[in-house]
Protein backbone atom coordinates (compact mmCIF):
# COMPACT_ATOMS: atom_id res chain seq x y z
CA MET A 1 121.68 151.86 113.64
CA ALA A 2 122.53 150.51 109.80
CA ALA A 3 119.39 149.24 107.63
CA GLY A 4 122.03 145.84 107.06
CA LEU A 5 122.01 145.57 111.13
CA LYS A 6 117.55 145.91 111.88
CA SER A 7 117.43 142.40 111.33
CA TRP A 8 120.53 141.01 113.82
CA THR A 9 119.40 140.38 117.25
CA PRO A 10 121.38 138.81 120.05
CA THR A 11 120.08 135.99 122.64
CA ALA A 12 120.84 135.71 126.26
CA ASP A 13 123.97 133.72 124.98
CA GLY A 14 124.96 135.57 121.71
CA THR A 15 123.53 134.31 119.31
CA CYS A 16 121.22 135.06 116.30
CA LYS A 17 117.37 134.42 116.18
CA SER A 18 117.09 134.84 112.74
CA ALA A 19 120.79 132.07 112.47
CA LEU A 20 118.45 129.78 114.35
CA LYS A 21 115.59 130.39 112.81
CA GLY A 22 117.52 128.92 109.80
CA ASP A 23 118.33 126.03 110.78
CA TYR A 24 115.38 124.90 112.41
CA ARG A 25 114.32 125.52 109.00
CA MET A 26 117.36 122.80 107.17
CA LEU A 27 116.69 120.51 110.31
CA ALA A 28 112.16 120.96 109.10
CA ILE A 29 113.26 119.50 105.48
CA ARG A 30 115.88 117.29 105.48
CA PRO A 31 113.97 114.50 105.48
CA VAL A 32 112.07 115.26 102.46
CA LEU A 33 115.83 116.61 100.51
CA ILE A 34 116.77 113.04 101.82
CA SER A 35 113.54 110.93 100.32
CA ALA A 36 113.51 112.88 97.25
CA LEU A 37 117.29 111.90 96.79
CA ILE A 38 116.99 108.26 97.78
CA PHE A 39 113.60 108.04 94.88
CA ALA A 40 115.64 110.18 92.29
CA ALA A 41 119.00 107.04 93.10
CA VAL A 42 116.71 104.73 91.94
CA PRO A 43 116.46 103.76 88.25
CA PRO A 44 113.53 103.38 86.76
CA ALA A 45 113.80 100.06 85.39
CA ALA A 46 114.29 99.52 89.46
CA VAL A 47 111.63 101.52 89.93
CA ARG A 48 108.43 99.51 87.61
CA ALA A 49 110.58 95.69 88.74
CA ALA A 50 109.13 97.31 92.16
CA THR A 51 105.51 97.69 91.04
CA ASP A 52 105.24 93.88 90.23
CA SER A 53 106.45 92.27 92.65
CA VAL A 54 104.44 90.88 95.95
CA GLN A 55 106.03 89.92 99.24
CA TYR A 56 104.91 87.87 101.34
CA VAL A 57 104.71 89.26 104.73
CA GLY A 58 103.04 85.65 107.29
CA GLY A 59 100.91 83.81 107.43
CA SER A 60 99.18 80.08 108.18
CA VAL A 61 101.48 79.00 105.49
CA LYS A 62 105.27 78.39 106.50
CA SER A 63 106.29 77.13 103.39
CA ILE A 64 107.02 80.66 101.49
CA PRO A 65 108.96 81.97 103.79
CA VAL A 66 108.18 85.49 105.16
CA ASN A 67 109.40 88.65 103.27
CA SER A 68 109.09 86.94 100.30
CA VAL A 69 109.29 88.87 97.19
CA GLY A 70 107.15 87.07 93.63
CA LYS A 71 104.89 87.12 91.51
CA PHE A 72 101.27 86.51 90.93
CA SER A 73 99.69 84.67 88.04
CA PHE A 74 96.19 84.18 87.31
CA ASP A 75 96.69 81.62 84.06
CA ASP A 76 95.44 79.25 85.26
CA ALA A 77 91.99 78.40 85.21
CA LYS A 78 91.58 76.42 88.82
CA GLU A 79 94.54 77.50 90.66
CA PHE A 80 96.12 81.28 92.29
CA ARG A 81 100.15 80.14 91.87
CA PHE A 82 102.25 82.93 93.57
CA THR A 83 106.34 82.51 92.17
CA TYR A 84 108.35 83.23 94.58
CA ASN A 85 112.89 82.26 94.76
CA GLY A 86 111.95 79.69 92.03
CA SER A 87 109.05 77.91 93.72
CA VAL A 88 105.47 77.74 93.29
CA TYR A 89 102.71 77.61 95.75
CA LYS A 90 99.27 76.66 94.32
CA LEU A 91 95.88 77.20 96.10
CA PRO A 92 92.65 76.35 94.42
CA TYR A 93 90.36 79.23 93.86
CA ASP A 94 87.46 76.93 95.56
CA GLN A 95 88.85 76.81 98.32
CA ILE A 96 90.04 80.72 99.25
CA THR A 97 86.56 81.75 101.27
CA GLY A 98 87.66 85.52 100.70
CA THR A 99 89.67 88.56 100.36
CA ASP A 100 90.12 91.66 101.99
CA VAL A 101 92.80 94.68 101.01
CA GLU A 102 93.66 96.41 104.08
CA LYS A 103 96.51 99.68 104.30
CA ALA A 104 100.47 98.42 104.67
CA ASP A 105 102.63 99.11 107.36
CA THR A 106 105.15 102.11 107.06
CA ARG A 107 108.36 101.55 105.29
CA ARG A 108 110.95 103.67 106.76
CA VAL A 109 114.39 104.17 105.55
CA LEU A 110 117.44 103.94 107.96
CA HIS A 111 114.77 103.14 110.26
CA ILE A 112 113.70 106.58 111.23
CA ILE A 113 112.81 108.92 107.93
CA PRO A 114 109.25 107.27 106.55
CA VAL A 115 109.02 106.42 102.36
CA ILE A 116 107.23 108.94 101.13
CA GLN A 117 104.81 107.93 98.27
CA PRO A 118 104.04 111.53 96.29
CA ILE A 119 101.29 109.40 94.34
CA ALA A 120 97.89 107.05 96.19
CA ARG A 121 97.98 104.40 93.29
CA ASN A 122 101.43 103.38 94.55
CA ARG A 123 101.16 102.67 98.13
CA LYS A 124 101.79 99.84 99.38
CA GLN A 125 98.50 97.73 100.71
CA THR A 126 98.44 94.36 101.79
CA LEU A 127 95.52 91.24 100.42
CA VAL A 128 95.47 89.55 102.73
CA ILE A 129 93.69 86.35 101.19
CA ASN A 130 91.80 83.73 103.50
CA TYR A 131 91.53 79.73 102.44
CA SER A 132 89.88 76.02 103.87
CA ASP A 133 91.72 73.43 102.48
CA ALA A 134 91.16 69.89 101.52
CA THR A 135 90.82 69.01 105.15
CA GLY A 136 89.06 71.82 106.65
CA ALA A 137 91.96 73.66 108.05
CA THR A 138 91.27 77.83 107.80
CA GLY A 139 94.21 79.88 106.79
CA THR A 140 95.54 83.22 105.57
CA LEU A 141 97.53 84.61 103.04
CA ASN A 142 99.27 87.67 103.29
CA PHE A 143 100.13 89.48 100.53
CA GLU A 144 102.70 93.25 99.91
CA LEU A 145 101.91 95.27 97.33
CA MET A 146 100.86 98.15 95.24
CA ALA A 147 97.37 99.59 96.26
CA TYR A 148 96.29 99.22 92.62
CA ARG A 149 97.70 96.02 92.11
CA ALA A 150 95.23 94.17 95.39
CA VAL A 151 92.83 96.13 94.40
CA GLU A 152 92.92 93.85 90.55
CA ALA A 153 94.21 90.59 92.28
CA GLN A 154 91.39 91.32 94.27
CA GLU A 155 89.13 91.48 91.46
CA THR A 156 90.60 88.54 89.89
CA ILE A 157 90.22 85.94 92.24
CA ALA A 158 87.02 87.06 92.45
CA ALA A 159 85.82 86.71 88.66
CA LYS A 160 88.14 82.69 88.99
CA LYS A 161 85.26 82.31 91.98
CA SER A 162 82.10 82.15 90.36
CA PRO A 163 83.42 81.90 86.35
CA ILE A 164 80.65 82.85 84.36
CA THR A 165 79.07 79.73 81.78
CA PRO A 166 78.41 79.13 78.73
CA ALA A 167 74.71 79.61 79.34
CA ALA A 168 74.72 82.42 81.12
CA ALA A 169 76.69 84.19 78.63
CA VAL A 170 74.30 83.96 76.68
CA ALA A 171 71.15 84.42 78.83
CA ALA A 172 73.55 88.09 79.68
CA SER A 173 74.04 89.00 76.37
CA ASN A 174 69.57 87.82 74.78
CA GLU A 175 68.54 90.46 77.48
CA TRP A 176 66.34 93.56 76.29
CA TRP A 177 65.07 96.79 78.96
CA GLY A 178 62.35 95.71 76.09
CA ASP A 179 61.29 92.39 77.31
CA LYS A 180 59.30 93.86 80.60
CA TYR A 181 57.12 95.79 78.68
CA TRP A 182 56.47 93.90 74.84
CA LYS A 183 55.35 90.25 74.01
CA THR A 184 58.12 89.77 71.08
CA LYS A 185 58.54 86.99 69.03
CA ARG A 186 62.15 86.37 70.43
CA ASN A 187 60.10 86.43 74.78
CA GLN A 188 57.02 85.60 73.47
CA ALA A 189 57.86 81.80 75.61
CA THR A 190 58.46 83.34 78.64
CA TRP A 191 55.23 86.25 78.51
CA ASP A 192 52.68 82.89 78.10
CA ALA A 193 54.48 81.23 80.56
CA GLN A 194 53.82 84.18 82.79
CA ALA A 195 49.88 84.75 81.52
CA THR A 196 49.48 80.99 82.33
CA GLN A 197 50.91 82.02 85.80
CA ASN A 198 49.07 85.44 86.22
CA ALA A 199 45.50 83.21 85.48
CA ILE A 200 46.56 80.49 88.04
CA ALA A 201 46.66 82.82 90.77
CA ALA A 202 43.82 84.81 89.72
CA ALA A 203 40.71 81.43 89.46
CA GLN A 204 42.56 80.78 93.09
CA SER A 205 41.93 84.28 94.00
CA ALA A 206 38.41 84.07 92.99
CA ALA A 207 37.16 80.69 94.07
CA PRO A 208 34.51 80.81 96.78
CA ALA A 209 36.10 80.11 100.59
CA PRO A 210 34.98 76.79 101.86
CA SER A 211 31.49 77.22 103.95
CA GLY A 212 32.32 76.77 107.59
CA GLN A 213 30.15 75.69 110.41
CA VAL A 214 28.01 78.65 111.89
CA ALA A 215 27.26 77.20 115.64
CA SER A 216 24.32 78.04 117.11
CA SER A 217 23.85 79.66 120.54
CA GLY A 218 21.55 77.85 122.92
CA ALA A 219 18.33 79.81 124.20
CA LYS A 220 18.70 80.14 127.89
């Protein structure tokens, strides 16, 4: 038999095994090729805009339509803001009781092929914001956005909720690790106060305990 015919092995119905194997491989890589073509067809400007966009995917706030796309704003010192479709939703930071970042639902192209995100930081996640309004009613807001932006938003909200006061900032800038070991002019007041507390504690521990009454046992 010729060398070129060795790979030809007809099956019971007359088809070629090598041809079937090639068809199987094409079916296996077809979803990857389609996803790559879709990604290549999207303009770079649209990709950059998509990374900045935030989508409201549900929650207790009914005034925001589900699936509304917009942007976060942290410019205000007292209010978190979500701008969408020409409207602005505002939530005071002191009403936010907690935040969480959860895995977002898998997006699919044509409801069949899952969209492939090759870079982990570009994967979508859901930022969950829990709040309690002025009346005491609790609720949640769920926003879907890029994973790294979800973490950034969570950290920003935490910083806005617990801002550093000027006095705390000055105290932090004056801290030095050697203050715990050496007495200097800059930390003299702290060392003197601690010495006074230590002297009081030593005096209290050295004072004799009050004598108690000794009960006498009666003779039998």
